[in-house]
N, C-alpha and C. Protein backbone atom coordinates (compact mmCIF):
# COMPACT_ATOMS: atom_id res chain seq x y z
N MET A 1 -52.06 -10.80 -3.93
CA MET A 1 -50.86 -11.67 -3.51
C MET A 1 -50.21 -10.95 -2.36
N SER A 2 -49.54 -11.88 -1.42
CA SER A 2 -48.80 -11.24 -0.33
C SER A 2 -47.51 -10.81 -0.81
N GLU A 3 -46.77 -10.08 0.07
CA GLU A 3 -45.40 -9.54 -0.18
C GLU A 3 -44.52 -10.66 -0.38
N LEU A 4 -44.68 -11.86 0.28
CA LEU A 4 -43.78 -13.08 0.05
C LEU A 4 -43.92 -13.54 -1.32
N TRP A 5 -45.07 -13.67 -1.89
CA TRP A 5 -45.26 -14.09 -3.16
C TRP A 5 -44.65 -13.08 -4.29
N TRP A 6 -44.86 -11.90 -4.00
CA TRP A 6 -44.26 -10.87 -4.85
C TRP A 6 -42.63 -10.95 -4.92
N GLY A 7 -42.24 -11.22 -3.72
CA GLY A 7 -40.69 -11.43 -3.60
C GLY A 7 -40.40 -12.64 -4.34
N VAL A 8 -40.99 -13.74 -4.24
CA VAL A 8 -40.69 -14.99 -4.99
C VAL A 8 -40.76 -14.77 -6.49
N LEU A 9 -41.89 -14.05 -6.92
CA LEU A 9 -42.01 -13.78 -8.39
C LEU A 9 -40.87 -12.92 -8.90
N MET A 10 -40.52 -11.91 -8.11
CA MET A 10 -39.38 -11.01 -8.59
C MET A 10 -38.05 -11.86 -8.61
N VAL A 11 -37.77 -12.67 -7.69
CA VAL A 11 -36.62 -13.44 -7.67
C VAL A 11 -36.51 -14.40 -8.86
N ALA A 12 -37.67 -15.06 -9.23
CA ALA A 12 -37.78 -15.98 -10.26
C ALA A 12 -37.57 -15.13 -11.59
N VAL A 13 -38.15 -13.99 -11.76
CA VAL A 13 -37.97 -13.17 -12.94
C VAL A 13 -36.45 -12.86 -13.08
N GLY A 14 -35.85 -12.38 -11.90
CA GLY A 14 -34.38 -12.14 -11.95
C GLY A 14 -33.56 -13.28 -12.33
N CYS A 15 -33.85 -14.44 -11.82
CA CYS A 15 -33.03 -15.68 -12.23
C CYS A 15 -33.15 -15.91 -13.66
N TYR A 16 -34.45 -15.84 -14.24
CA TYR A 16 -34.62 -16.04 -15.59
C TYR A 16 -33.79 -15.05 -16.44
N GLY A 17 -33.86 -13.75 -15.99
CA GLY A 17 -33.14 -12.79 -16.71
C GLY A 17 -31.62 -12.99 -16.64
N LEU A 18 -31.17 -13.52 -15.59
CA LEU A 18 -29.76 -13.79 -15.42
C LEU A 18 -29.38 -14.86 -16.43
N LYS A 19 -30.19 -15.90 -16.49
CA LYS A 19 -29.96 -17.06 -17.32
C LYS A 19 -29.89 -16.60 -18.87
N LEU A 20 -30.98 -15.72 -19.15
CA LEU A 20 -30.93 -15.19 -20.53
C LEU A 20 -29.59 -14.37 -20.83
N LEU A 21 -29.14 -13.60 -19.87
CA LEU A 21 -27.94 -12.79 -20.10
C LEU A 21 -26.86 -13.71 -20.18
N GLY A 22 -26.68 -14.72 -19.46
CA GLY A 22 -25.64 -15.72 -19.65
C GLY A 22 -25.58 -16.39 -21.04
N LEU A 23 -26.82 -16.70 -21.50
CA LEU A 23 -26.87 -17.29 -22.84
C LEU A 23 -26.62 -16.30 -23.93
N SER A 24 -26.61 -15.03 -23.76
CA SER A 24 -26.25 -14.09 -24.79
C SER A 24 -24.84 -13.67 -24.83
N VAL A 25 -24.08 -14.14 -23.93
CA VAL A 25 -22.64 -13.88 -24.04
C VAL A 25 -22.00 -14.47 -25.24
N PRO A 26 -21.19 -13.78 -25.99
CA PRO A 26 -20.57 -14.38 -27.21
C PRO A 26 -19.68 -15.41 -26.88
N GLU A 27 -19.58 -16.38 -27.76
CA GLU A 27 -18.76 -17.61 -27.56
C GLU A 27 -17.35 -17.34 -27.46
N ARG A 28 -16.76 -16.31 -28.13
CA ARG A 28 -15.38 -15.91 -27.99
C ARG A 28 -15.03 -15.53 -26.64
N VAL A 29 -15.97 -14.92 -25.87
CA VAL A 29 -15.73 -14.57 -24.43
C VAL A 29 -15.61 -15.73 -23.63
N LEU A 30 -16.52 -16.65 -23.91
CA LEU A 30 -16.62 -17.95 -22.99
C LEU A 30 -15.34 -18.78 -23.24
N GLU A 31 -14.75 -18.74 -24.39
CA GLU A 31 -13.64 -19.56 -24.74
C GLU A 31 -12.19 -18.92 -24.40
N HIS A 32 -12.27 -17.68 -23.92
CA HIS A 32 -11.14 -16.98 -23.52
C HIS A 32 -10.47 -17.65 -22.40
N PRO A 33 -9.08 -17.89 -22.46
CA PRO A 33 -8.29 -18.59 -21.30
C PRO A 33 -8.64 -18.10 -19.99
N LEU A 34 -8.70 -16.88 -19.70
CA LEU A 34 -8.91 -16.38 -18.44
C LEU A 34 -10.34 -16.70 -17.91
N THR A 35 -11.29 -16.70 -18.83
CA THR A 35 -12.76 -17.13 -18.42
C THR A 35 -12.75 -18.58 -18.12
N VAL A 36 -11.99 -19.39 -18.85
CA VAL A 36 -12.02 -20.87 -18.51
C VAL A 36 -11.37 -21.10 -17.27
N ARG A 37 -10.22 -20.52 -16.96
CA ARG A 37 -9.57 -20.68 -15.69
C ARG A 37 -10.39 -20.17 -14.45
N ALA A 38 -10.96 -19.03 -14.75
CA ALA A 38 -11.95 -18.43 -13.54
C ALA A 38 -13.07 -19.43 -13.43
N ALA A 39 -13.62 -19.91 -14.42
CA ALA A 39 -14.76 -20.78 -14.27
C ALA A 39 -14.42 -22.24 -13.43
N ALA A 40 -13.22 -22.55 -13.73
CA ALA A 40 -12.71 -23.76 -13.12
C ALA A 40 -12.70 -23.68 -11.63
N PHE A 41 -12.46 -22.40 -11.11
CA PHE A 41 -12.27 -22.23 -9.53
C PHE A 41 -13.57 -21.90 -8.97
N ILE A 42 -14.69 -21.75 -9.61
CA ILE A 42 -15.88 -21.38 -9.01
C ILE A 42 -16.44 -22.54 -8.07
N PRO A 43 -16.57 -23.68 -8.58
CA PRO A 43 -17.06 -24.81 -7.75
C PRO A 43 -16.08 -25.12 -6.53
N VAL A 44 -14.88 -24.92 -6.64
CA VAL A 44 -13.99 -25.07 -5.49
C VAL A 44 -14.21 -23.97 -4.41
N GLY A 45 -14.45 -22.73 -4.89
CA GLY A 45 -14.79 -21.56 -3.89
C GLY A 45 -16.00 -21.88 -3.21
N LEU A 46 -17.16 -22.30 -4.01
CA LEU A 46 -18.40 -22.62 -3.38
C LEU A 46 -18.36 -23.73 -2.46
N LEU A 47 -17.51 -24.76 -2.70
CA LEU A 47 -17.57 -25.87 -1.79
C LEU A 47 -16.83 -25.42 -0.50
N ALA A 48 -15.71 -24.60 -0.65
CA ALA A 48 -14.98 -24.14 0.49
C ALA A 48 -15.85 -23.28 1.38
N ALA A 49 -16.68 -22.33 0.80
CA ALA A 49 -17.63 -21.61 1.50
C ALA A 49 -18.55 -22.43 2.25
N LEU A 50 -19.16 -23.60 1.57
CA LEU A 50 -20.13 -24.37 2.21
C LEU A 50 -19.50 -25.16 3.32
N VAL A 51 -18.22 -25.60 3.27
CA VAL A 51 -17.54 -26.34 4.29
C VAL A 51 -17.30 -25.33 5.52
N ALA A 52 -16.92 -24.17 5.24
CA ALA A 52 -16.74 -23.11 6.30
C ALA A 52 -17.95 -22.85 7.07
N VAL A 53 -19.05 -22.66 6.35
CA VAL A 53 -20.37 -22.30 6.91
C VAL A 53 -20.80 -23.43 7.83
N GLN A 54 -20.71 -24.72 7.26
CA GLN A 54 -21.26 -25.90 8.04
C GLN A 54 -20.25 -26.35 9.14
N GLY A 55 -19.06 -26.10 8.87
CA GLY A 55 -18.02 -26.34 9.94
C GLY A 55 -17.81 -25.51 11.08
N PHE A 56 -18.11 -24.26 10.85
CA PHE A 56 -17.80 -23.23 11.98
C PHE A 56 -18.88 -22.37 12.43
N THR A 57 -20.14 -22.71 12.01
CA THR A 57 -21.28 -21.96 12.56
C THR A 57 -22.31 -22.88 13.25
N ASP A 58 -23.07 -22.30 13.93
CA ASP A 58 -24.16 -22.97 14.77
C ASP A 58 -25.23 -21.93 14.76
N GLY A 59 -26.22 -22.00 13.77
CA GLY A 59 -27.27 -20.95 13.72
C GLY A 59 -26.47 -19.62 13.21
N SER A 60 -26.62 -18.69 13.98
CA SER A 60 -26.09 -17.30 13.70
C SER A 60 -24.78 -17.06 14.42
N ARG A 61 -24.05 -17.90 14.98
CA ARG A 61 -22.90 -17.62 15.61
C ARG A 61 -21.74 -18.52 15.28
N VAL A 62 -20.58 -18.18 15.39
CA VAL A 62 -19.40 -18.93 14.97
C VAL A 62 -18.85 -19.84 16.23
N VAL A 63 -18.71 -21.04 15.99
CA VAL A 63 -18.26 -22.01 17.08
C VAL A 63 -17.07 -22.75 16.62
N VAL A 64 -16.25 -23.29 17.62
CA VAL A 64 -15.26 -24.15 17.35
C VAL A 64 -15.59 -25.43 18.22
N ASP A 65 -15.91 -26.49 17.60
CA ASP A 65 -16.30 -27.59 18.41
C ASP A 65 -15.71 -28.96 17.76
N ALA A 66 -16.43 -30.07 17.95
CA ALA A 66 -15.73 -31.43 17.43
C ALA A 66 -15.85 -31.42 15.93
N ARG A 67 -16.54 -30.65 15.30
CA ARG A 67 -16.56 -30.62 13.88
C ARG A 67 -15.09 -30.26 13.26
N LEU A 68 -14.54 -29.22 14.01
CA LEU A 68 -13.22 -28.80 13.73
C LEU A 68 -12.17 -30.01 13.62
N ALA A 69 -12.28 -30.76 14.72
CA ALA A 69 -11.46 -31.93 14.75
C ALA A 69 -11.60 -32.93 13.56
N GLY A 70 -12.97 -33.13 13.30
CA GLY A 70 -13.24 -33.96 12.14
C GLY A 70 -12.76 -33.34 10.68
N LEU A 71 -12.89 -31.99 10.67
CA LEU A 71 -12.47 -31.41 9.37
C LEU A 71 -10.90 -31.46 9.32
N ALA A 72 -10.23 -31.38 10.39
CA ALA A 72 -8.79 -31.49 10.37
C ALA A 72 -8.41 -32.85 9.89
N VAL A 73 -9.12 -33.86 10.41
CA VAL A 73 -8.78 -35.29 10.10
C VAL A 73 -9.03 -35.43 8.58
N ALA A 74 -10.21 -35.01 8.13
CA ALA A 74 -10.46 -35.10 6.75
C ALA A 74 -9.58 -34.33 5.79
N ALA A 75 -9.06 -33.27 6.25
CA ALA A 75 -8.11 -32.49 5.40
C ALA A 75 -6.87 -33.15 5.29
N PHE A 76 -6.35 -33.82 6.51
CA PHE A 76 -5.11 -34.53 6.49
C PHE A 76 -5.16 -35.79 5.52
N LEU A 77 -6.38 -36.51 5.64
CA LEU A 77 -6.44 -37.74 4.82
C LEU A 77 -6.73 -37.40 3.43
N LEU A 78 -7.34 -36.24 3.15
CA LEU A 78 -7.42 -35.73 1.82
C LEU A 78 -6.05 -35.52 1.19
N TRP A 79 -5.15 -34.89 1.94
CA TRP A 79 -3.81 -34.62 1.58
C TRP A 79 -3.06 -35.83 1.33
N ARG A 80 -3.31 -36.91 2.11
CA ARG A 80 -2.74 -38.18 2.00
C ARG A 80 -3.33 -39.05 0.88
N LYS A 81 -4.37 -38.51 0.21
CA LYS A 81 -5.00 -39.24 -0.83
C LYS A 81 -5.70 -40.63 -0.41
N VAL A 82 -6.25 -40.57 0.75
CA VAL A 82 -7.00 -41.68 1.24
C VAL A 82 -8.39 -41.64 0.45
N PRO A 83 -9.02 -42.90 0.18
CA PRO A 83 -10.23 -42.95 -0.45
C PRO A 83 -11.34 -42.23 0.27
N PHE A 84 -12.30 -41.69 -0.26
CA PHE A 84 -13.29 -40.77 0.14
C PHE A 84 -14.11 -41.47 1.34
N LEU A 85 -14.54 -42.68 1.09
CA LEU A 85 -15.39 -43.33 2.18
C LEU A 85 -14.60 -43.43 3.53
N VAL A 86 -13.38 -43.86 3.33
CA VAL A 86 -12.46 -43.94 4.56
C VAL A 86 -12.33 -42.59 5.28
N MET A 87 -12.09 -41.58 4.44
CA MET A 87 -12.00 -40.25 4.98
C MET A 87 -13.14 -39.78 5.72
N LEU A 88 -14.35 -40.13 5.17
CA LEU A 88 -15.61 -39.70 5.72
C LEU A 88 -15.77 -40.37 6.96
N ILE A 89 -15.67 -41.62 7.03
CA ILE A 89 -15.71 -42.52 8.29
C ILE A 89 -14.82 -42.03 9.31
N ALA A 90 -13.52 -41.73 9.01
CA ALA A 90 -12.60 -41.31 10.00
C ALA A 90 -12.92 -39.92 10.50
N ALA A 91 -13.27 -39.07 9.65
CA ALA A 91 -13.68 -37.74 10.11
C ALA A 91 -14.94 -37.72 11.09
N ALA A 92 -15.87 -38.57 10.72
CA ALA A 92 -17.11 -38.65 11.60
C ALA A 92 -16.80 -39.47 12.92
N ALA A 93 -15.99 -40.48 12.88
CA ALA A 93 -15.51 -40.98 14.15
C ALA A 93 -14.66 -40.06 15.04
N THR A 94 -13.80 -39.30 14.41
CA THR A 94 -13.10 -38.27 15.18
C THR A 94 -13.93 -37.36 15.80
N ALA A 95 -14.91 -36.79 15.09
CA ALA A 95 -15.79 -35.80 15.70
C ALA A 95 -16.68 -36.47 16.75
N ALA A 96 -17.11 -37.63 16.66
CA ALA A 96 -17.84 -38.27 17.65
C ALA A 96 -17.13 -38.58 18.95
N LEU A 97 -15.84 -38.96 18.64
CA LEU A 97 -14.95 -39.14 19.77
C LEU A 97 -14.62 -37.96 20.60
N VAL A 98 -14.40 -36.87 19.94
CA VAL A 98 -14.25 -35.54 20.55
C VAL A 98 -15.37 -35.15 21.40
N ARG A 99 -16.59 -35.31 20.71
CA ARG A 99 -17.86 -35.04 21.54
C ARG A 99 -18.10 -35.80 22.70
N ALA A 100 -17.75 -37.15 22.56
CA ALA A 100 -17.86 -38.02 23.75
C ALA A 100 -16.80 -37.64 25.01
N ILE A 101 -15.60 -37.30 24.51
CA ILE A 101 -14.54 -36.83 25.46
C ILE A 101 -14.94 -35.58 26.20
N THR A 102 -15.40 -34.55 25.35
CA THR A 102 -15.62 -33.27 25.92
C THR A 102 -17.08 -33.23 26.69
N SER A 103 -17.91 -34.13 26.49
CA SER A 103 -19.24 -34.12 27.21
C SER A 103 -19.32 -34.79 28.60
């Protein structure tokens, strides 16, 4: 086997071990209020990281372009509690308009 496949195999074993470790945590720890609160914030943090990476990077460099204007419009509309589809269309239209103006 090549080094790549050894790496894939080791990562798979590590993931399986991590899953087993998670299943062996006592239920009283999982039901602790601090654990429940912390677990509620994990998806929010992951989504924020994904938005930051997709909104401010181009390959391996940080950029500020039309996507920032689209994100700003989306954030404002989210704050105003506009329906998701309307927010998505407005953000995409704003980014396209900024691209058209700057090109």
